[in-house]
Amino acid sequence: AEQIEEQKRIIEENKPLVSFAISVEASVDSVLIGTYAKLLADAENVSIGQNRLLEWLRSEGYLMHKGERLNVPYQQYIDNGNFEVSTSTFASSSGTHQRFTTKITGKGQIALAKKIVEAFK
């Protein structure tokens, strides 16, 4: 009986994450880090924003933290399908430059949700 009660408690505790995972899994689009932070804040009631999430992703080793590639994910996380990077090229008075935009995939959102919620609750 105790084991059943413990299992029921765990199910109740994980309901929000399961609900979030189902909605993310249904989405085929990747989202910007700031949008993902807002989704987590709303769905999981965690105190997080874009800057805090980016800082956490850098400190946990998911994103690069220096230079021109600041906030670009390491290759292993791109290969795992957790992140996508789009590149745009623009010209300025000092020459041609590239801008990298990091997006988190549905798979990445699911994979990181529990870790982020635990870190910010």
C-alpha atoms as a PDB file:
ATOM      1  CA  ALA A   1       0.000   0.000   0.000  1.00  0.00           C
ATOM      2  CA  GLU A   2       2.873   2.387   0.804  1.00  0.00           C
ATOM      3  CA  GLN A   3       4.487   1.666  -2.527  1.00  0.00           C
ATOM      4  CA  ILE A   4       1.242   2.459  -4.379  1.00  0.00           C
ATOM      5  CA  GLU A   5       0.881   5.734  -2.484  1.00  0.00           C
ATOM      6  CA  GLU A   6       4.488   6.650  -3.338  1.00  0.00           C
ATOM      7  CA  GLN A   7       3.847   5.905  -7.012  1.00  0.00           C
ATOM      8  CA  LYS A   8       0.683   8.037  -6.972  1.00  0.00           C
ATOM      9  CA  ARG A   9       2.642  10.895  -5.386  1.00  0.00           C
ATOM     10  CA  ILE A  10       5.327  10.637  -8.080  1.00  0.00           C
ATOM     11  CA  ILE A  11       2.684  10.632 -10.822  1.00  0.00           C
ATOM     12  CA  GLU A  12       1.067  13.766  -9.379  1.00  0.00           C
ATOM     13  CA  GLU A  13       4.460  15.440  -9.014  1.00  0.00           C
ATOM     14  CA  ASN A  14       5.353  14.751 -12.642  1.00  0.00           C
ATOM     15  CA  LYS A  15       1.998  15.695 -14.210  1.00  0.00           C
ATOM     16  CA  PRO A  16       3.102  19.221 -15.170  1.00  0.00           C
ATOM     17  CA  LEU A  17       6.284  17.936 -16.821  1.00  0.00           C
ATOM     18  CA  VAL A  18       4.375  15.260 -18.714  1.00  0.00           C
ATOM     19  CA  SER A  19       1.826  17.799 -19.894  1.00  0.00           C
ATOM     20  CA  PHE A  20       4.607  20.140 -21.003  1.00  0.00           C
ATOM     21  CA  ALA A  21       6.454  17.291 -22.764  1.00  0.00           C
ATOM     22  CA  ILE A  22       3.334  16.242 -24.664  1.00  0.00           C
ATOM     23  CA  SER A  23       2.719  19.778 -25.901  1.00  0.00           C
ATOM     24  CA  VAL A  24       6.373  20.236 -26.904  1.00  0.00           C
ATOM     25  CA  GLU A  25       6.546  16.879 -28.613  1.00  0.00           C
ATOM     26  CA  ALA A  26       3.561  17.849 -30.752  1.00  0.00           C
ATOM     27  CA  SER A  27       5.433  20.953 -31.914  1.00  0.00           C
ATOM     28  CA  VAL A  28       7.759  20.569 -34.878  1.00  0.00           C
ATOM     29  CA  ASP A  29       9.375  23.964 -34.523  1.00  0.00           C
ATOM     30  CA  SER A  30      12.435  24.952 -32.579  1.00  0.00           C
ATOM     31  CA  VAL A  31      12.111  27.999 -30.348  1.00  0.00           C
ATOM     32  CA  LEU A  32      14.411  30.772 -29.254  1.00  0.00           C
ATOM     33  CA  ILE A  33      15.947  30.445 -25.789  1.00  0.00           C
ATOM     34  CA  GLY A  34      13.927  33.426 -24.518  1.00  0.00           C
ATOM     35  CA  THR A  35      10.671  31.866 -25.708  1.00  0.00           C
ATOM     36  CA  TYR A  36      11.589  28.582 -24.037  1.00  0.00           C
ATOM     37  CA  ALA A  37      12.290  30.415 -20.776  1.00  0.00           C
ATOM     38  CA  LYS A  38       8.820  31.986 -20.936  1.00  0.00           C
ATOM     39  CA  LEU A  39       7.215  28.602 -21.645  1.00  0.00           C
ATOM     40  CA  LEU A  40       8.955  27.082 -18.629  1.00  0.00           C
ATOM     41  CA  ALA A  41       8.059  30.014 -16.413  1.00  0.00           C
ATOM     42  CA  ASP A  42       4.387  29.698 -17.373  1.00  0.00           C
ATOM     43  CA  ALA A  43       4.067  25.900 -17.486  1.00  0.00           C
ATOM     44  CA  GLU A  44       6.282  24.987 -14.551  1.00  0.00           C
ATOM     45  CA  ASN A  45       5.984  28.106 -12.406  1.00  0.00           C
ATOM     46  CA  VAL A  46       9.748  28.626 -12.209  1.00  0.00           C
ATOM     47  CA  SER A  47      11.420  31.972 -11.776  1.00  0.00           C
ATOM     48  CA  ILE A  48      13.466  32.133 -14.956  1.00  0.00           C
ATOM     49  CA  GLY A  49      14.017  34.470 -17.862  1.00  0.00           C
ATOM     50  CA  GLN A  50      16.143  34.490 -20.973  1.00  0.00           C
ATOM     51  CA  ASN A  51      19.288  35.843 -19.321  1.00  0.00           C
ATOM     52  CA  ARG A  52      19.173  33.448 -16.373  1.00  0.00           C
ATOM     53  CA  LEU A  53      18.539  30.500 -18.676  1.00  0.00           C
ATOM     54  CA  LEU A  54      21.399  31.464 -20.997  1.00  0.00           C
ATOM     55  CA  GLU A  55      23.713  31.840 -17.996  1.00  0.00           C
ATOM     56  CA  TRP A  56      22.652  28.408 -16.716  1.00  0.00           C
ATOM     57  CA  LEU A  57      23.134  26.773 -20.145  1.00  0.00           C
ATOM     58  CA  ARG A  58      26.633  28.273 -20.344  1.00  0.00           C
ATOM     59  CA  SER A  59      27.570  27.238 -16.794  1.00  0.00           C
ATOM     60  CA  GLU A  60      26.315  23.678 -17.404  1.00  0.00           C
ATOM     61  CA  GLY A  61      28.414  23.392 -20.571  1.00  0.00           C
ATOM     62  CA  TYR A  62      25.681  23.378 -23.213  1.00  0.00           C
ATOM     63  CA  LEU A  63      26.595  26.734 -24.759  1.00  0.00           C
ATOM     64  CA  MET A  64      29.911  28.418 -25.494  1.00  0.00           C
ATOM     65  CA  HIS A  65      30.707  31.296 -23.187  1.00  0.00           C
ATOM     66  CA  LYS A  66      33.342  33.425 -24.935  1.00  0.00           C
ATOM     67  CA  GLY A  67      34.024  35.385 -28.077  1.00  0.00           C
ATOM     68  CA  GLU A  68      32.167  35.482 -31.349  1.00  0.00           C
ATOM     69  CA  ARG A  69      30.468  32.176 -30.633  1.00  0.00           C
ATOM     70  CA  LEU A  70      28.912  33.292 -27.352  1.00  0.00           C
ATOM     71  CA  ASN A  71      25.704  31.304 -26.703  1.00  0.00           C
ATOM     72  CA  VAL A  72      26.336  28.902 -29.601  1.00  0.00           C
ATOM     73  CA  PRO A  73      25.834  25.274 -28.510  1.00  0.00           C
ATOM     74  CA  TYR A  74      28.700  22.821 -28.519  1.00  0.00           C
ATOM     75  CA  GLN A  75      28.652  20.457 -31.500  1.00  0.00           C
ATOM     76  CA  GLN A  76      27.696  17.369 -29.479  1.00  0.00           C
ATOM     77  CA  TYR A  77      24.394  19.010 -28.456  1.00  0.00           C
ATOM     78  CA  ILE A  78      23.667  19.989 -32.044  1.00  0.00           C
ATOM     79  CA  ASP A  79      24.454  16.427 -33.162  1.00  0.00           C
ATOM     80  CA  ASN A  80      22.177  15.057 -30.406  1.00  0.00           C
ATOM     81  CA  GLY A  81      19.343  17.156 -31.830  1.00  0.00           C
ATOM     82  CA  ASN A  82      18.934  19.377 -28.750  1.00  0.00           C
ATOM     83  CA  PHE A  83      19.799  22.660 -30.472  1.00  0.00           C
ATOM     84  CA  GLU A  84      19.787  24.237 -33.921  1.00  0.00           C
ATOM     85  CA  VAL A  85      21.829  27.206 -35.042  1.00  0.00           C
ATOM     86  CA  SER A  86      20.845  29.500 -37.881  1.00  0.00           C
ATOM     87  CA  THR A  87      23.459  31.722 -39.427  1.00  0.00           C
ATOM     88  CA  SER A  88      22.847  35.038 -41.086  1.00  0.00           C
ATOM     89  CA  THR A  89      25.396  37.161 -42.894  1.00  0.00           C
ATOM     90  CA  PHE A  90      25.281  40.929 -42.920  1.00  0.00           C
ATOM     91  CA  ALA A  91      27.478  43.722 -44.213  1.00  0.00           C
ATOM     92  CA  SER A  92      28.565  46.714 -42.185  1.00  0.00           C
ATOM     93  CA  SER A  93      31.057  49.512 -42.668  1.00  0.00           C
ATOM     94  CA  SER A  94      33.743  47.253 -41.165  1.00  0.00           C
ATOM     95  CA  GLY A  95      33.068  44.325 -43.513  1.00  0.00           C
ATOM     96  CA  THR A  96      30.965  41.199 -43.701  1.00  0.00           C
ATOM     97  CA  HIS A  97      29.915  39.527 -40.449  1.00  0.00           C
ATOM     98  CA  GLN A  98      28.008  36.443 -39.375  1.00  0.00           C
ATOM     99  CA  ARG A  99      25.351  36.313 -36.675  1.00  0.00           C
ATOM    100  CA  PHE A 100      24.436  33.009 -35.004  1.00  0.00           C
ATOM    101  CA  THR A 101      20.975  32.418 -33.577  1.00  0.00           C
ATOM    102  CA  THR A 102      20.561  29.458 -31.222  1.00  0.00           C
ATOM    103  CA  LYS A 103      17.223  27.675 -31.015  1.00  0.00           C
ATOM    104  CA  ILE A 104      16.243  24.778 -28.807  1.00  0.00           C
ATOM    105  CA  THR A 105      14.491  21.868 -30.509  1.00  0.00           C
ATOM    106  CA  GLY A 106      11.481  19.998 -29.153  1.00  0.00           C
ATOM    107  CA  LYS A 107      13.807  17.141 -28.210  1.00  0.00           C
ATOM    108  CA  GLY A 108      16.087  19.574 -26.377  1.00  0.00           C
ATOM    109  CA  GLN A 109      13.170  21.188 -24.583  1.00  0.00           C
ATOM    110  CA  ILE A 110      12.048  17.841 -23.225  1.00  0.00           C
ATOM    111  CA  ALA A 111      15.582  16.722 -22.358  1.00  0.00           C
ATOM    112  CA  LEU A 112      16.394  19.891 -20.406  1.00  0.00           C
ATOM    113  CA  ALA A 113      13.042  20.713 -18.795  1.00  0.00           C
ATOM    114  CA  LYS A 114      13.449  18.636 -15.631  1.00  0.00           C
ATOM    115  CA  LYS A 115      17.052  19.771 -15.063  1.00  0.00           C
ATOM    116  CA  ILE A 116      16.088  23.433 -15.473  1.00  0.00           C
ATOM    117  CA  VAL A 117      13.020  23.158 -13.261  1.00  0.00           C
ATOM    118  CA  GLU A 118      15.089  21.497 -10.516  1.00  0.00           C
ATOM    119  CA  ALA A 119      17.770  24.184 -10.789  1.00  0.00           C
ATOM    120  CA  PHE A 120      15.325  27.123 -10.548  1.00  0.00           C
ATOM    121  CA  LYS A 121      12.578  25.987  -8.187  1.00  0.00           C
END
